[in-house]
Amino acid sequence: MKEGLDRIRKRIADAAVRCGREPESVRLVAVSKTRGADLVARAIDAGAAILGENYIQEARDKFNALYDRPVQWHFIGHLQSNKAKYAVRMFDLIHSVDSLKLARALDKEARKNDKVQEILVQVNISREASKSGIEESGAVDLVTRISGLENIRVKGLMTMPPFFDAPEQARPFFRELARLRVRIADQAISGVSMDELSMGMTGDFEVAIDEGATLVRIGTAIFGPRQ
């Protein structure tokens, strides 16, 4: 486990240096979906600082077992509004907010929990019907509307490009998200920061870093193939 994490960290650092960035500007989200609490505990012991989960019920079981461990929990999967109360209780950052309805549900639950919930807005840059996310044309308006919610803070954007065998084919999608980030930042929307770009997975994270990723979501290269 530690060898896998160290290998990925070195590749992240090397990719950052190649494009003139500080290695610390890119953080690793260890995607622990479908992995049991024992295996996740081993990853934490080996140095994983952020865990990425896709499913609320599965995450609840692990969170309850590992809540006292020094790690951040990020939600990276599709989130339904009726699961907002669980997400707010568990997650430091929610990557996948794609509607005002969901943002309002999270805001309501965060207010109940005396918490300011940090989120990313998920953008469907590729406009694939199978993927969640607001279309790029609606992203600025959505961010603006969410900015009015008292207990929500928009910290950046997330996307998932189409799957390609060749990582370079994902570059235009990463580049487009980075451009959108700049456009939103230029709006200087009150209460909104564009600090984070969550993009890049096991097969293409180095290209994503080259295009500005600050959070890369990696599972297989750390935990091995899913059983």
C-alpha atoms as a PDB file:
ATOM      1  CA  MET A   1       0.000   0.000   0.000  1.00  0.00           C
ATOM      2  CA  LYS A   2       2.714   2.485   1.001  1.00  0.00           C
ATOM      3  CA  GLU A   3       4.714   1.677  -2.135  1.00  0.00           C
ATOM      4  CA  GLY A   4       1.690   2.396  -4.312  1.00  0.00           C
ATOM      5  CA  LEU A   5       1.004   5.690  -2.575  1.00  0.00           C
ATOM      6  CA  ASP A   6       4.642   6.737  -2.752  1.00  0.00           C
ATOM      7  CA  ARG A   7       4.744   5.889  -6.468  1.00  0.00           C
ATOM      8  CA  ILE A   8       1.674   7.997  -7.193  1.00  0.00           C
ATOM      9  CA  ARG A   9       2.943  10.891  -5.082  1.00  0.00           C
ATOM     10  CA  LYS A  10       6.209  10.889  -7.009  1.00  0.00           C
ATOM     11  CA  ARG A  11       4.356  10.904 -10.347  1.00  0.00           C
ATOM     12  CA  ILE A  12       2.187  13.790  -9.118  1.00  0.00           C
ATOM     13  CA  ALA A  13       5.240  15.754  -7.984  1.00  0.00           C
ATOM     14  CA  ASP A  14       7.111  15.074 -11.221  1.00  0.00           C
ATOM     15  CA  ALA A  15       4.108  16.128 -13.316  1.00  0.00           C
ATOM     16  CA  ALA A  16       3.772  19.355 -11.333  1.00  0.00           C
ATOM     17  CA  VAL A  17       7.458  20.214 -11.675  1.00  0.00           C
ATOM     18  CA  ARG A  18       7.400  19.553 -15.424  1.00  0.00           C
ATOM     19  CA  CYS A  19       4.795  22.268 -15.906  1.00  0.00           C
ATOM     20  CA  GLY A  20       6.413  24.736 -13.508  1.00  0.00           C
ATOM     21  CA  ARG A  21       4.156  24.137 -10.504  1.00  0.00           C
ATOM     22  CA  GLU A  22       4.911  23.362  -6.878  1.00  0.00           C
ATOM     23  CA  PRO A  23       4.226  19.696  -6.053  1.00  0.00           C
ATOM     24  CA  GLU A  24       2.234  20.830  -3.007  1.00  0.00           C
ATOM     25  CA  SER A  25      -0.262  22.574  -5.318  1.00  0.00           C
ATOM     26  CA  VAL A  26      -1.736  19.171  -6.255  1.00  0.00           C
ATOM     27  CA  ARG A  27      -3.456  16.977  -3.672  1.00  0.00           C
ATOM     28  CA  LEU A  28      -4.184  13.288  -3.992  1.00  0.00           C
ATOM     29  CA  VAL A  29      -7.707  12.020  -3.360  1.00  0.00           C
ATOM     30  CA  ALA A  30      -7.448   8.281  -2.704  1.00  0.00           C
ATOM     31  CA  VAL A  31     -10.656   6.878  -4.194  1.00  0.00           C
ATOM     32  CA  SER A  32     -11.755   4.251  -1.720  1.00  0.00           C
ATOM     33  CA  LYS A  33     -15.158   3.280  -3.135  1.00  0.00           C
ATOM     34  CA  THR A  34     -15.902  -0.459  -2.878  1.00  0.00           C
ATOM     35  CA  ARG A  35     -12.917  -0.893  -0.529  1.00  0.00           C
ATOM     36  CA  GLY A  36     -13.535  -2.165   2.972  1.00  0.00           C
ATOM     37  CA  ALA A  37     -12.778  -0.215   6.138  1.00  0.00           C
ATOM     38  CA  ASP A  38      -9.764  -2.405   6.956  1.00  0.00           C
ATOM     39  CA  LEU A  39      -8.131  -1.667   3.608  1.00  0.00           C
ATOM     40  CA  VAL A  40      -8.937   2.033   3.897  1.00  0.00           C
ATOM     41  CA  ALA A  41      -7.402   2.080   7.389  1.00  0.00           C
ATOM     42  CA  ARG A  42      -4.225   0.626   5.893  1.00  0.00           C
ATOM     43  CA  ALA A  43      -4.203   3.407   3.293  1.00  0.00           C
ATOM     44  CA  ILE A  44      -4.520   6.029   6.028  1.00  0.00           C
ATOM     45  CA  ASP A  45      -1.670   4.391   7.947  1.00  0.00           C
ATOM     46  CA  ALA A  46       0.387   4.495   4.743  1.00  0.00           C
ATOM     47  CA  GLY A  47      -0.168   8.249   4.423  1.00  0.00           C
ATOM     48  CA  ALA A  48      -3.422   8.822   2.525  1.00  0.00           C
ATOM     49  CA  ALA A  49      -4.693  12.217   3.678  1.00  0.00           C
ATOM     50  CA  ILE A  50      -7.906  12.508   1.622  1.00  0.00           C
ATOM     51  CA  LEU A  51     -10.399   9.729   0.911  1.00  0.00           C
ATOM     52  CA  GLY A  52     -12.858   9.951  -1.976  1.00  0.00           C
ATOM     53  CA  GLU A  53     -16.178   8.116  -1.713  1.00  0.00           C
ATOM     54  CA  ASN A  54     -18.939   7.661  -4.317  1.00  0.00           C
ATOM     55  CA  TYR A  55     -21.805   6.109  -2.390  1.00  0.00           C
ATOM     56  CA  ILE A  56     -23.435   7.480   0.769  1.00  0.00           C
ATOM     57  CA  GLN A  57     -24.389   4.202   2.458  1.00  0.00           C
ATOM     58  CA  GLU A  58     -20.998   2.615   1.838  1.00  0.00           C
ATOM     59  CA  ALA A  59     -19.247   5.772   3.019  1.00  0.00           C
ATOM     60  CA  ARG A  60     -21.330   5.869   6.222  1.00  0.00           C
ATOM     61  CA  ASP A  61     -20.107   2.433   7.231  1.00  0.00           C
ATOM     62  CA  LYS A  62     -16.475   3.411   6.711  1.00  0.00           C
ATOM     63  CA  PHE A  63     -16.869   6.849   8.260  1.00  0.00           C
ATOM     64  CA  ASN A  64     -18.420   5.345  11.398  1.00  0.00           C
ATOM     65  CA  ALA A  65     -15.527   2.886  11.668  1.00  0.00           C
ATOM     66  CA  LEU A  66     -12.785   5.460  10.959  1.00  0.00           C
ATOM     67  CA  TYR A  67     -14.227   8.817  12.061  1.00  0.00           C
ATOM     68  CA  ASP A  68     -11.414   9.397  14.568  1.00  0.00           C
ATOM     69  CA  ARG A  69      -8.636   8.967  11.999  1.00  0.00           C
ATOM     70  CA  PRO A  70      -6.745  12.071  10.775  1.00  0.00           C
ATOM     71  CA  VAL A  71      -8.089  12.165   7.235  1.00  0.00           C
ATOM     72  CA  GLN A  72     -10.373  14.334   5.090  1.00  0.00           C
ATOM     73  CA  TRP A  73     -13.465  12.822   3.480  1.00  0.00           C
ATOM     74  CA  HIS A  74     -14.493  13.986   0.018  1.00  0.00           C
ATOM     75  CA  PHE A  75     -17.684  12.953  -1.787  1.00  0.00           C
ATOM     76  CA  ILE A  76     -17.040  12.507  -5.508  1.00  0.00           C
ATOM     77  CA  GLY A  77     -20.088  10.592  -6.763  1.00  0.00           C
ATOM     78  CA  HIS A  78     -23.552  11.612  -7.893  1.00  0.00           C
ATOM     79  CA  LEU A  79     -25.462  12.955  -4.902  1.00  0.00           C
ATOM     80  CA  GLN A  80     -29.236  12.952  -4.546  1.00  0.00           C
ATOM     81  CA  SER A  81     -30.874  15.796  -2.619  1.00  0.00           C
ATOM     82  CA  ASN A  82     -32.505  13.384  -0.186  1.00  0.00           C
ATOM     83  CA  LYS A  83     -29.051  12.222   0.945  1.00  0.00           C
ATOM     84  CA  ALA A  84     -27.847  15.759   1.700  1.00  0.00           C
ATOM     85  CA  LYS A  85     -28.118  15.342   5.481  1.00  0.00           C
ATOM     86  CA  TYR A  86     -25.723  12.392   5.465  1.00  0.00           C
ATOM     87  CA  ALA A  87     -23.282  14.099   3.115  1.00  0.00           C
ATOM     88  CA  VAL A  88     -23.071  17.224   5.258  1.00  0.00           C
ATOM     89  CA  ARG A  89     -22.356  15.196   8.388  1.00  0.00           C
ATOM     90  CA  MET A  90     -19.505  13.244   6.831  1.00  0.00           C
ATOM     91  CA  PHE A  91     -17.771  15.175   4.092  1.00  0.00           C
ATOM     92  CA  ASP A  92     -15.298  18.043   4.198  1.00  0.00           C
ATOM     93  CA  LEU A  93     -15.693  18.731   0.475  1.00  0.00           C
ATOM     94  CA  ILE A  94     -18.438  17.641  -1.941  1.00  0.00           C
ATOM     95  CA  HIS A  95     -17.128  17.592  -5.525  1.00  0.00           C
ATOM     96  CA  SER A  96     -20.367  16.853  -7.351  1.00  0.00           C
ATOM     97  CA  VAL A  97     -22.919  19.642  -6.882  1.00  0.00           C
ATOM     98  CA  ASP A  98     -24.685  20.140 -10.202  1.00  0.00           C
ATOM     99  CA  SER A  99     -27.988  21.853  -9.401  1.00  0.00           C
ATOM    100  CA  LEU A 100     -29.449  24.631  -7.292  1.00  0.00           C
ATOM    101  CA  LYS A 101     -31.881  22.106  -5.779  1.00  0.00           C
ATOM    102  CA  LEU A 102     -28.999  20.024  -4.411  1.00  0.00           C
ATOM    103  CA  ALA A 103     -27.124  23.112  -3.215  1.00  0.00           C
ATOM    104  CA  ARG A 104     -30.202  24.309  -1.340  1.00  0.00           C
ATOM    105  CA  ALA A 105     -30.631  20.904   0.304  1.00  0.00           C
ATOM    106  CA  LEU A 106     -26.997  20.955   1.417  1.00  0.00           C
ATOM    107  CA  ASP A 107     -27.352  24.536   2.660  1.00  0.00           C
ATOM    108  CA  LYS A 108     -30.400  23.577   4.759  1.00  0.00           C
ATOM    109  CA  GLU A 109     -28.587  20.640   6.355  1.00  0.00           C
ATOM    110  CA  ALA A 110     -25.387  22.614   6.888  1.00  0.00           C
ATOM    111  CA  ARG A 111     -27.369  25.294   8.707  1.00  0.00           C
ATOM    112  CA  LYS A 112     -28.862  22.631  10.998  1.00  0.00           C
ATOM    113  CA  ASN A 113     -25.349  21.357  11.727  1.00  0.00           C
ATOM    114  CA  ASP A 114     -23.882  24.837  12.270  1.00  0.00           C
ATOM    115  CA  LYS A 115     -21.485  24.165   9.407  1.00  0.00           C
ATOM    116  CA  VAL A 116     -20.376  25.939   6.255  1.00  0.00           C
ATOM    117  CA  GLN A 117     -20.248  23.171   3.639  1.00  0.00           C
ATOM    118  CA  GLU A 118     -17.519  23.498   1.028  1.00  0.00           C
ATOM    119  CA  ILE A 119     -18.443  22.276  -2.447  1.00  0.00           C
ATOM    120  CA  LEU A 120     -17.262  22.083  -6.025  1.00  0.00           C
ATOM    121  CA  VAL A 121     -19.620  22.554  -8.955  1.00  0.00           C
ATOM    122  CA  GLN A 122     -19.534  19.571 -11.309  1.00  0.00           C
ATOM    123  CA  VAL A 123     -19.455  20.580 -14.968  1.00  0.00           C
ATOM    124  CA  ASN A 124     -20.318  18.166 -17.774  1.00  0.00           C
ATOM    125  CA  ILE A 125     -17.700  19.559 -20.136  1.00  0.00           C
ATOM    126  CA  SER A 126     -18.099  16.641 -22.549  1.00  0.00           C
ATOM    127  CA  ARG A 127     -21.915  16.987 -22.616  1.00  0.00           C
ATOM    128  CA  GLU A 128     -22.271  13.218 -22.368  1.00  0.00           C
ATOM    129  CA  ALA A 129     -25.797  12.138 -21.471  1.00  0.00           C
ATOM    130  CA  SER A 130     -24.400   9.415 -19.206  1.00  0.00           C
ATOM    131  CA  LYS A 131     -22.539  11.910 -16.991  1.00  0.00           C
ATOM    132  CA  SER A 132     -23.822  14.185 -14.254  1.00  0.00           C
ATOM    133  CA  GLY A 133     -22.964  17.858 -14.123  1.00  0.00           C
ATOM    134  CA  ILE A 134     -24.222  21.237 -15.246  1.00  0.00           C
ATOM    135  CA  GLU A 135     -23.452  22.063 -18.863  1.00  0.00           C
ATOM    136  CA  GLU A 136     -20.731  24.630 -19.318  1.00  0.00           C
ATOM    137  CA  SER A 137     -23.202  27.207 -20.640  1.00  0.00           C
ATOM    138  CA  GLY A 138     -25.079  27.168 -17.328  1.00  0.00           C
ATOM    139  CA  ALA A 139     -22.141  27.008 -14.946  1.00  0.00           C
ATOM    140  CA  VAL A 140     -21.646  30.729 -14.285  1.00  0.00           C
ATOM    141  CA  ASP A 141     -25.346  31.206 -13.552  1.00  0.00           C
ATOM    142  CA  LEU A 142     -25.416  28.192 -11.218  1.00  0.00           C
ATOM    143  CA  VAL A 143     -22.352  29.374  -9.292  1.00  0.00           C
ATOM    144  CA  THR A 144     -23.887  32.839  -8.978  1.00  0.00           C
ATOM    145  CA  ARG A 145     -27.135  31.430  -7.598  1.00  0.00           C
ATOM    146  CA  ILE A 146     -25.358  29.130  -5.162  1.00  0.00           C
ATOM    147  CA  SER A 147     -23.275  32.060  -3.908  1.00  0.00           C
ATOM    148  CA  GLY A 148     -26.413  33.455  -2.250  1.00  0.00           C
ATOM    149  CA  LEU A 149     -26.677  30.440   0.081  1.00  0.00           C
ATOM    150  CA  GLU A 150     -25.348  31.324   3.507  1.00  0.00           C
ATOM    151  CA  ASN A 151     -24.004  27.916   4.543  1.00  0.00           C
ATOM    152  CA  ILE A 152     -22.408  26.879   1.241  1.00  0.00           C
ATOM    153  CA  ARG A 153     -19.022  27.917  -0.131  1.00  0.00           C
ATOM    154  CA  VAL A 154     -18.079  27.236  -3.734  1.00  0.00           C
ATOM    155  CA  LYS A 155     -14.366  26.375  -3.829  1.00  0.00           C
ATOM    156  CA  GLY A 156     -13.948  25.440  -7.496  1.00  0.00           C
ATOM    157  CA  LEU A 157     -15.001  23.042 -10.232  1.00  0.00           C
ATOM    158  CA  MET A 158     -14.958  19.323 -11.030  1.00  0.00           C
ATOM    159  CA  THR A 159     -15.293  17.363 -14.255  1.00  0.00           C
ATOM    160  CA  MET A 160     -14.995  13.871 -15.701  1.00  0.00           C
ATOM    161  CA  PRO A 161     -13.890  13.701 -19.351  1.00  0.00           C
ATOM    162  CA  PRO A 162     -14.877  10.837 -21.635  1.00  0.00           C
ATOM    163  CA  PHE A 163     -12.853   7.668 -21.211  1.00  0.00           C
ATOM    164  CA  PHE A 164      -9.901   7.440 -23.584  1.00  0.00           C
ATOM    165  CA  ASP A 165      -7.127   4.878 -23.939  1.00  0.00           C
ATOM    166  CA  ALA A 166      -4.735   7.751 -24.716  1.00  0.00           C
ATOM    167  CA  PRO A 167      -4.489  10.348 -21.896  1.00  0.00           C
ATOM    168  CA  GLU A 168      -3.707  13.167 -24.340  1.00  0.00           C
ATOM    169  CA  GLN A 169      -7.215  12.868 -25.749  1.00  0.00           C
ATOM    170  CA  ALA A 170      -8.590  14.084 -22.417  1.00  0.00           C
ATOM    171  CA  ARG A 171      -6.496  17.278 -22.512  1.00  0.00           C
ATOM    172  CA  PRO A 172      -9.047  19.489 -24.362  1.00  0.00           C
ATOM    173  CA  PHE A 173     -11.665  18.735 -21.704  1.00  0.00           C
ATOM    174  CA  PHE A 174      -9.302  19.564 -18.839  1.00  0.00           C
ATOM    175  CA  ARG A 175      -8.219  22.727 -20.624  1.00  0.00           C
ATOM    176  CA  GLU A 176     -11.815  23.813 -21.120  1.00  0.00           C
ATOM    177  CA  LEU A 177     -12.573  23.406 -17.407  1.00  0.00           C
ATOM    178  CA  ALA A 178      -9.485  25.461 -16.568  1.00  0.00           C
ATOM    179  CA  ARG A 179     -10.687  28.206 -18.907  1.00  0.00           C
ATOM    180  CA  LEU A 180     -14.130  28.148 -17.295  1.00  0.00           C
ATOM    181  CA  ARG A 181     -12.477  28.475 -13.901  1.00  0.00           C
ATOM    182  CA  VAL A 182     -10.768  31.671 -15.066  1.00  0.00           C
ATOM    183  CA  ARG A 183     -14.006  33.066 -16.498  1.00  0.00           C
ATOM    184  CA  ILE A 184     -15.833  32.481 -13.221  1.00  0.00           C
ATOM    185  CA  ALA A 185     -12.960  33.877 -11.161  1.00  0.00           C
ATOM    186  CA  ASP A 186     -13.006  37.028 -13.313  1.00  0.00           C
ATOM    187  CA  GLN A 187     -16.643  37.567 -12.291  1.00  0.00           C
ATOM    188  CA  ALA A 188     -15.450  38.143  -8.701  1.00  0.00           C
ATOM    189  CA  ILE A 189     -18.657  36.620  -7.313  1.00  0.00           C
ATOM    190  CA  SER A 190     -18.989  37.339  -3.599  1.00  0.00           C
ATOM    191  CA  GLY A 191     -18.263  34.298  -1.423  1.00  0.00           C
ATOM    192  CA  VAL A 192     -16.959  32.218  -4.344  1.00  0.00           C
ATOM    193  CA  SER A 193     -13.359  31.117  -4.810  1.00  0.00           C
ATOM    194  CA  MET A 194     -11.967  29.148  -7.716  1.00  0.00           C
ATOM    195  CA  ASP A 195      -9.130  27.575  -5.742  1.00  0.00           C
ATOM    196  CA  GLU A 196      -9.787  23.987  -6.772  1.00  0.00           C
ATOM    197  CA  LEU A 197      -9.948  22.034 -10.024  1.00  0.00           C
ATOM    198  CA  SER A 198     -10.876  18.402  -9.388  1.00  0.00           C
ATOM    199  CA  MET A 199      -9.981  16.499 -12.548  1.00  0.00           C
ATOM    200  CA  GLY A 200      -7.815  13.585 -13.559  1.00  0.00           C
ATOM    201  CA  MET A 201      -7.897   9.935 -12.552  1.00  0.00           C
ATOM    202  CA  THR A 202      -5.518   6.970 -12.683  1.00  0.00           C
ATOM    203  CA  GLY A 203      -5.232   6.955 -16.463  1.00  0.00           C
ATOM    204  CA  ASP A 204      -4.868  10.669 -17.177  1.00  0.00           C
ATOM    205  CA  PHE A 205      -3.960  12.585 -14.009  1.00  0.00           C
ATOM    206  CA  GLU A 206      -0.591  13.798 -15.295  1.00  0.00           C
ATOM    207  CA  VAL A 207      -2.261  15.528 -18.243  1.00  0.00           C
ATOM    208  CA  ALA A 208      -4.823  16.993 -15.831  1.00  0.00           C
ATOM    209  CA  ILE A 209      -2.042  18.395 -13.652  1.00  0.00           C
ATOM    210  CA  ASP A 210      -0.464  19.979 -16.734  1.00  0.00           C
ATOM    211  CA  GLU A 211      -3.797  21.744 -17.318  1.00  0.00           C
ATOM    212  CA  GLY A 212      -4.144  22.983 -13.746  1.00  0.00           C
ATOM    213  CA  ALA A 213      -5.699  20.221 -11.608  1.00  0.00           C
ATOM    214  CA  THR A 214      -5.383  20.773  -7.864  1.00  0.00           C
ATOM    215  CA  LEU A 215      -7.178  17.559  -6.842  1.00  0.00           C
ATOM    216  CA  VAL A 216      -6.610  14.265  -8.667  1.00  0.00           C
ATOM    217  CA  ARG A 217      -8.877  11.297  -7.924  1.00  0.00           C
ATOM    218  CA  ILE A 218      -6.953   8.024  -7.980  1.00  0.00           C
ATOM    219  CA  GLY A 219      -8.106   4.589  -6.868  1.00  0.00           C
ATOM    220  CA  THR A 220      -6.844   1.698  -8.969  1.00  0.00           C
ATOM    221  CA  ALA A 221      -3.183   2.750  -8.893  1.00  0.00           C
ATOM    222  CA  ILE A 222      -3.320   2.808  -5.075  1.00  0.00           C
ATOM    223  CA  PHE A 223      -5.668  -0.026  -4.148  1.00  0.00           C
ATOM    224  CA  GLY A 224      -5.298  -2.228  -7.221  1.00  0.00           C
ATOM    225  CA  PRO A 225      -8.117  -3.466  -9.498  1.00  0.00           C
ATOM    226  CA  ARG A 226     -11.546  -3.707  -7.882  1.00  0.00           C
ATOM    227  CA  GLN A 227     -12.606  -7.242  -7.064  1.00  0.00           C
END
